[in-house]
Amino acid sequence: MSTPLRILITNDDGIDAPGIRILHEIALRISSEVWLVAPDGNQSGAGHRISFGRELRIDERGPRQFAIHGGSPADCVIAGATKLMGGAPPDVVLSGINNGQNLGDIINCSGTAAGAREGALQGALGIALSQGVNYEQSREVVWDAAVAHGEAAIRAIIATAAARPGLSAQAYFNVNFPPCAPDKVQGMRLVPAQRFARSPMRYYQSDNPGHFFVAIPETPKPLDPASDFEMLHKGRAVTVTPVLLQVTDFGLVSALDGALGAL
């Protein structure tokens, strides 16, 4: 009898968000060894913040379920992987399911992506999962595609990593479910992340004098038809993007050798 996978779940929407409960149910169909360690409240956009030098509090919510007060998704993964799971690290870290897509350059500030990234840095297979929303029609998230196709997507990535030793040490995976009915989903596609010509983040004026928001008022154009943005919304595919952990561009290291001169 094989040993069940040790799965750690986190998110950035908070431990009481509906997406993480859906993911918890999916994970329990994959393994009996599931832990949930998540922020006590919303940490969207937290990126890979680590709370160095700041005391954090753990609230046990139930068997193998913990809320970290004020903690980021990365904090939660660190606490789970190195302490709360009893000293044995996770095999898989699942982050999500996020309310809204995490696509293109936005993954650089995504707390959902950071949870999976920290999982991979801790030696696990990291998978970030998000349910897309068509904001031109409604801001309400409909979880049906993630509920219907989440387990298959996770199992496929786990099987792919198992067949390729060392893959989880090279990359984590960013998964998005399209905002359409489950029977309209057009399969699962490996796609690149959209690179924008410039950041989509903008100053957005508040109604309160002297205050403002940071927001994404519109998606920058043009978009690559083969990228995650277009394949999710126009292609109605479950998009899967492998994201490298090694951020060095070795080609540029070689090409620029000597270009900076001697100090």
Protein backbone atom coordinates (compact mmCIF):
# COMPACT_ATOMS: atom_id res chain seq x y z
CA MET A 1 0.00 0.00 0.00
CA SER A 2 1.50 3.34 -1.05
CA THR A 3 1.94 6.17 1.42
CA PRO A 4 -0.62 8.95 0.83
CA LEU A 5 0.64 12.29 -0.39
CA ARG A 6 1.07 14.92 2.29
CA ILE A 7 -0.82 17.96 1.02
CA LEU A 8 -0.64 21.48 2.45
CA ILE A 9 -3.28 24.03 1.40
CA THR A 10 -3.09 27.81 1.68
CA ASN A 11 -4.58 30.85 -0.07
CA ASP A 12 -4.57 34.65 -0.06
CA ASP A 13 -8.33 35.25 0.26
CA GLY A 14 -8.35 34.04 3.86
CA ILE A 15 -9.21 30.83 5.65
CA ASP A 16 -12.97 31.53 5.55
CA ALA A 17 -13.09 32.15 1.79
CA PRO A 18 -15.22 29.75 -0.27
CA GLY A 19 -12.41 28.90 -2.69
CA ILE A 20 -10.18 27.32 -0.07
CA ARG A 21 -13.08 25.17 1.17
CA ILE A 22 -13.65 23.91 -2.36
CA LEU A 23 -9.94 23.15 -2.67
CA HIS A 24 -9.95 21.35 0.69
CA GLU A 25 -12.76 19.07 -0.51
CA ILE A 26 -10.87 18.34 -3.73
CA ALA A 27 -7.63 17.60 -1.86
CA LEU A 28 -9.39 15.12 0.44
CA ARG A 29 -10.42 13.14 -2.66
CA ILE A 30 -6.74 12.92 -3.62
CA SER A 31 -5.23 12.13 -0.19
CA SER A 32 -6.20 11.49 3.43
CA GLU A 33 -3.18 13.52 4.60
CA VAL A 34 -4.32 17.13 4.13
CA TRP A 35 -3.40 20.21 6.20
CA LEU A 36 -4.87 23.69 5.81
CA VAL A 37 -2.81 26.71 6.91
CA ALA A 38 -4.10 30.06 5.67
CA PRO A 39 -4.25 33.75 6.58
CA ASP A 40 -7.00 34.78 8.99
CA GLY A 41 -8.13 37.47 6.53
CA ASN A 42 -7.66 38.76 3.01
CA GLN A 43 -4.04 38.95 1.83
CA SER A 44 -4.71 39.48 -1.88
CA GLY A 45 -1.79 41.16 -3.64
CA ALA A 46 0.58 40.33 -0.78
CA GLY A 47 2.99 38.71 -3.19
CA HIS A 48 5.84 36.79 -1.56
CA ARG A 49 5.97 38.93 1.57
CA ILE A 50 7.70 37.26 4.52
CA SER A 51 6.93 38.68 7.97
CA PHE A 52 10.51 38.91 9.20
CA GLY A 53 10.80 40.27 12.75
CA ARG A 54 7.05 40.40 13.31
CA GLU A 55 5.40 38.03 15.74
CA LEU A 56 2.54 35.99 14.27
CA ARG A 57 -0.23 34.12 16.09
CA ILE A 58 -1.60 30.69 15.24
CA ASP A 59 -5.29 29.90 15.73
CA GLU A 60 -6.20 26.20 15.48
CA ARG A 61 -9.56 26.01 13.71
CA GLY A 62 -9.96 22.25 13.68
CA PRO A 63 -8.03 19.03 13.00
CA ARG A 64 -5.12 19.97 10.72
CA GLN A 65 -6.60 23.43 10.12
CA PHE A 66 -4.85 26.63 11.23
CA ALA A 67 -5.33 30.37 10.68
CA ILE A 68 -2.28 32.64 10.85
CA HIS A 69 -3.23 36.10 12.13
CA GLY A 70 -1.70 38.79 9.94
CA GLY A 71 0.34 36.23 8.03
CA SER A 72 0.90 36.18 4.30
CA PRO A 73 0.40 33.05 2.17
CA ALA A 74 4.17 32.53 2.17
CA ASP A 75 4.23 32.81 5.99
CA CYS A 76 1.50 30.18 6.16
CA VAL A 77 3.38 27.75 3.94
CA ILE A 78 6.55 28.20 6.00
CA ALA A 79 4.66 27.58 9.25
CA GLY A 80 2.88 24.57 7.82
CA ALA A 81 5.85 22.97 6.09
CA THR A 82 8.36 23.45 8.91
CA LYS A 83 6.21 23.09 12.04
CA LEU A 84 2.46 22.51 11.88
CA MET A 85 2.63 19.36 9.76
CA GLY A 86 4.56 17.65 12.51
CA GLY A 87 8.05 17.95 11.15
CA ALA A 88 7.44 15.95 7.97
CA PRO A 89 7.28 18.34 5.00
CA PRO A 90 4.50 18.37 2.40
CA ASP A 91 4.76 16.58 -0.92
CA VAL A 92 2.33 19.01 -2.55
CA VAL A 93 1.35 22.60 -1.72
CA LEU A 94 -1.95 23.79 -3.21
CA SER A 95 -2.68 27.53 -3.10
CA GLY A 96 -6.19 28.81 -3.80
CA ILE A 97 -8.70 28.50 -5.19
CA ASN A 98 -8.46 32.25 -5.75
CA ASN A 99 -11.44 34.50 -6.38
CA GLY A 100 -10.44 35.79 -9.81
CA GLN A 101 -7.78 34.91 -12.33
CA ASN A 102 -4.04 35.26 -11.79
CA LEU A 103 -2.56 35.72 -15.24
CA GLY A 104 0.44 37.23 -16.97
CA ASP A 105 2.63 39.64 -15.04
CA ILE A 106 0.02 39.76 -12.26
CA ILE A 107 1.47 36.53 -10.83
CA ASN A 108 4.43 38.61 -9.62
CA CYS A 109 2.23 40.27 -6.98
CA SER A 110 -0.21 37.40 -6.46
CA GLY A 111 -0.36 35.96 -2.97
CA THR A 112 -1.91 32.83 -4.49
CA ALA A 113 1.10 32.32 -6.76
CA ALA A 114 3.46 33.08 -3.86
CA GLY A 115 1.91 30.31 -1.76
CA ALA A 116 2.71 27.78 -4.48
CA ARG A 117 6.15 29.32 -5.08
CA GLU A 118 7.08 29.08 -1.40
CA GLY A 119 5.84 25.50 -1.42
CA ALA A 120 8.21 24.70 -4.26
CA LEU A 121 11.05 26.50 -2.50
CA GLN A 122 10.33 24.31 0.53
CA GLY A 123 10.79 21.22 -1.65
CA ALA A 124 7.16 20.42 -2.50
CA LEU A 125 5.28 20.42 -5.77
CA GLY A 126 3.66 23.87 -5.81
CA ILE A 127 0.35 24.45 -7.60
CA ALA A 128 -1.54 27.77 -7.58
CA LEU A 129 -5.21 27.63 -8.62
CA SER A 130 -7.59 30.47 -9.53
CA GLN A 131 -11.16 30.69 -10.79
CA GLY A 132 -11.47 33.22 -13.58
CA VAL A 133 -14.12 35.95 -13.62
CA ASN A 134 -15.47 37.84 -16.63
CA TYR A 135 -15.41 41.30 -15.07
CA GLU A 136 -17.09 42.89 -18.11
CA GLN A 137 -20.25 40.92 -17.26
CA SER A 138 -20.14 40.55 -13.47
CA ARG A 139 -17.79 40.73 -10.52
CA GLU A 140 -19.39 37.65 -8.98
CA VAL A 141 -17.26 34.53 -9.06
CA VAL A 142 -18.90 31.31 -10.21
CA TRP A 143 -16.88 28.33 -9.01
CA ASP A 144 -18.43 25.67 -11.26
CA ALA A 145 -15.46 25.16 -13.61
CA ALA A 146 -13.00 24.84 -10.72
CA VAL A 147 -15.30 22.43 -8.88
CA ALA A 148 -15.76 20.27 -11.98
CA HIS A 149 -12.19 20.28 -13.29
CA GLY A 150 -9.99 21.05 -10.28
CA GLU A 151 -9.31 17.48 -9.23
CA ALA A 152 -8.37 16.39 -12.76
CA ALA A 153 -6.01 19.34 -13.20
CA ILE A 154 -4.24 18.69 -9.88
CA ARG A 155 -3.94 14.95 -10.56
CA ALA A 156 -2.53 15.62 -14.04
CA ILE A 157 0.17 17.94 -12.67
CA ILE A 158 1.04 15.51 -9.86
CA ALA A 159 1.36 12.67 -12.40
CA THR A 160 3.47 14.84 -14.73
CA ALA A 161 5.84 15.78 -11.90
CA ALA A 162 6.10 12.16 -10.72
CA ALA A 163 7.16 11.09 -14.21
CA ARG A 164 9.84 13.79 -14.37
CA PRO A 165 12.08 13.66 -11.29
CA GLY A 166 13.39 17.07 -10.34
CA LEU A 167 10.60 19.00 -12.08
CA SER A 168 9.15 20.34 -8.83
CA ALA A 169 12.57 21.74 -7.91
CA GLN A 170 12.63 23.72 -11.16
CA ALA A 171 9.14 25.22 -11.35
CA TYR A 172 5.75 25.68 -9.76
CA PHE A 173 2.48 25.61 -11.68
CA ASN A 174 -0.08 28.38 -12.14
CA VAL A 175 -3.56 27.09 -13.02
CA ASN A 176 -6.63 29.14 -14.03
CA PHE A 177 -10.17 27.90 -14.63
CA PRO A 178 -12.24 29.75 -17.25
CA PRO A 179 -15.37 31.69 -16.30
CA CYS A 180 -17.81 29.45 -18.15
CA ALA A 181 -20.02 26.45 -17.52
CA PRO A 182 -18.07 23.23 -16.92
CA ASP A 183 -19.36 21.62 -20.13
CA LYS A 184 -18.07 24.60 -22.12
CA VAL A 185 -14.47 24.16 -20.94
CA GLN A 186 -12.20 23.38 -23.89
CA GLY A 187 -9.68 21.07 -22.25
CA MET A 188 -6.45 21.89 -20.45
CA ARG A 189 -3.61 23.78 -22.14
CA LEU A 190 0.02 24.42 -21.25
CA VAL A 191 0.53 28.09 -22.05
CA PRO A 192 3.04 30.90 -21.43
CA ALA A 193 2.20 33.80 -19.13
CA GLN A 194 1.32 37.04 -20.89
CA ARG A 195 4.10 39.64 -20.76
CA PHE A 196 2.73 43.15 -20.85
CA ALA A 197 4.53 46.09 -22.43
CA ARG A 198 4.12 47.82 -19.05
CA SER A 199 2.60 47.06 -15.69
CA PRO A 200 -1.24 47.04 -15.59
CA MET A 201 -1.15 48.56 -12.08
CA ARG A 202 -2.44 52.14 -11.90
CA TYR A 203 -3.25 54.94 -9.49
CA TYR A 204 -7.03 55.00 -9.04
CA GLN A 205 -8.66 58.01 -7.42
CA SER A 206 -10.73 57.45 -4.27
CA ASP A 207 -13.90 59.39 -3.47
CA ASN A 208 -12.16 60.38 -0.23
CA PRO A 209 -9.94 63.47 -0.63
CA GLY A 210 -6.24 62.71 -0.32
CA HIS A 211 -6.73 58.95 -0.78
CA PHE A 212 -6.30 56.60 -3.70
CA PHE A 213 -6.31 52.93 -4.65
CA VAL A 214 -3.85 50.82 -6.61
CA ALA A 215 -5.99 49.06 -9.21
CA ILE A 216 -6.02 47.35 -12.61
CA PRO A 217 -8.57 49.47 -14.52
CA GLU A 218 -8.06 47.63 -17.81
CA THR A 219 -6.02 44.87 -19.38
CA PRO A 220 -3.07 46.21 -21.40
CA LYS A 221 -3.06 45.50 -25.12
CA PRO A 222 -2.04 43.86 -27.36
CA LEU A 223 -2.42 40.31 -26.04
CA ASP A 224 -0.66 37.24 -27.39
CA PRO A 225 -3.37 34.82 -28.62
CA ALA A 226 -1.30 31.89 -27.33
CA SER A 227 -0.90 33.36 -23.84
CA ASP A 228 -2.76 32.54 -20.64
CA PHE A 229 -5.04 35.61 -20.89
CA GLU A 230 -6.45 34.81 -24.32
CA MET A 231 -6.53 31.04 -23.88
CA LEU A 232 -8.51 31.41 -20.64
CA HIS A 233 -11.07 33.97 -21.78
CA LYS A 234 -11.38 33.36 -25.52
CA GLY A 235 -10.22 29.75 -25.67
CA ARG A 236 -12.18 28.71 -22.55
CA ALA A 237 -9.33 26.39 -21.57
CA VAL A 238 -8.00 25.47 -18.15
CA THR A 239 -4.62 27.16 -18.45
CA VAL A 240 -1.49 25.70 -16.86
CA THR A 241 1.73 27.71 -16.80
CA PRO A 242 5.01 26.31 -15.42
CA VAL A 243 6.86 29.16 -13.69
CA LEU A 244 10.60 28.85 -13.14
CA LEU A 245 12.08 29.19 -9.66
CA GLN A 246 15.54 30.05 -11.01
CA VAL A 247 15.12 33.68 -12.06
CA THR A 248 18.60 34.15 -13.54
CA ASP A 249 18.71 34.53 -17.33
CA PHE A 250 21.81 32.45 -18.03
CA GLY A 251 21.70 33.40 -21.71
CA LEU A 252 22.11 37.05 -20.78
CA VAL A 253 24.81 36.23 -18.24
CA SER A 254 26.79 34.69 -21.09
CA ALA A 255 25.86 37.30 -23.71
CA LEU A 256 26.67 40.26 -21.46
CA ASP A 257 29.88 38.82 -20.06
CA GLY A 258 32.36 41.65 -19.82
CA ALA A 259 29.83 44.29 -20.92
CA LEU A 260 29.64 45.93 -17.52
CA GLY A 261 33.37 46.46 -17.35
CA ALA A 262 35.63 46.08 -14.33
CA LEU A 263 34.94 47.75 -11.00
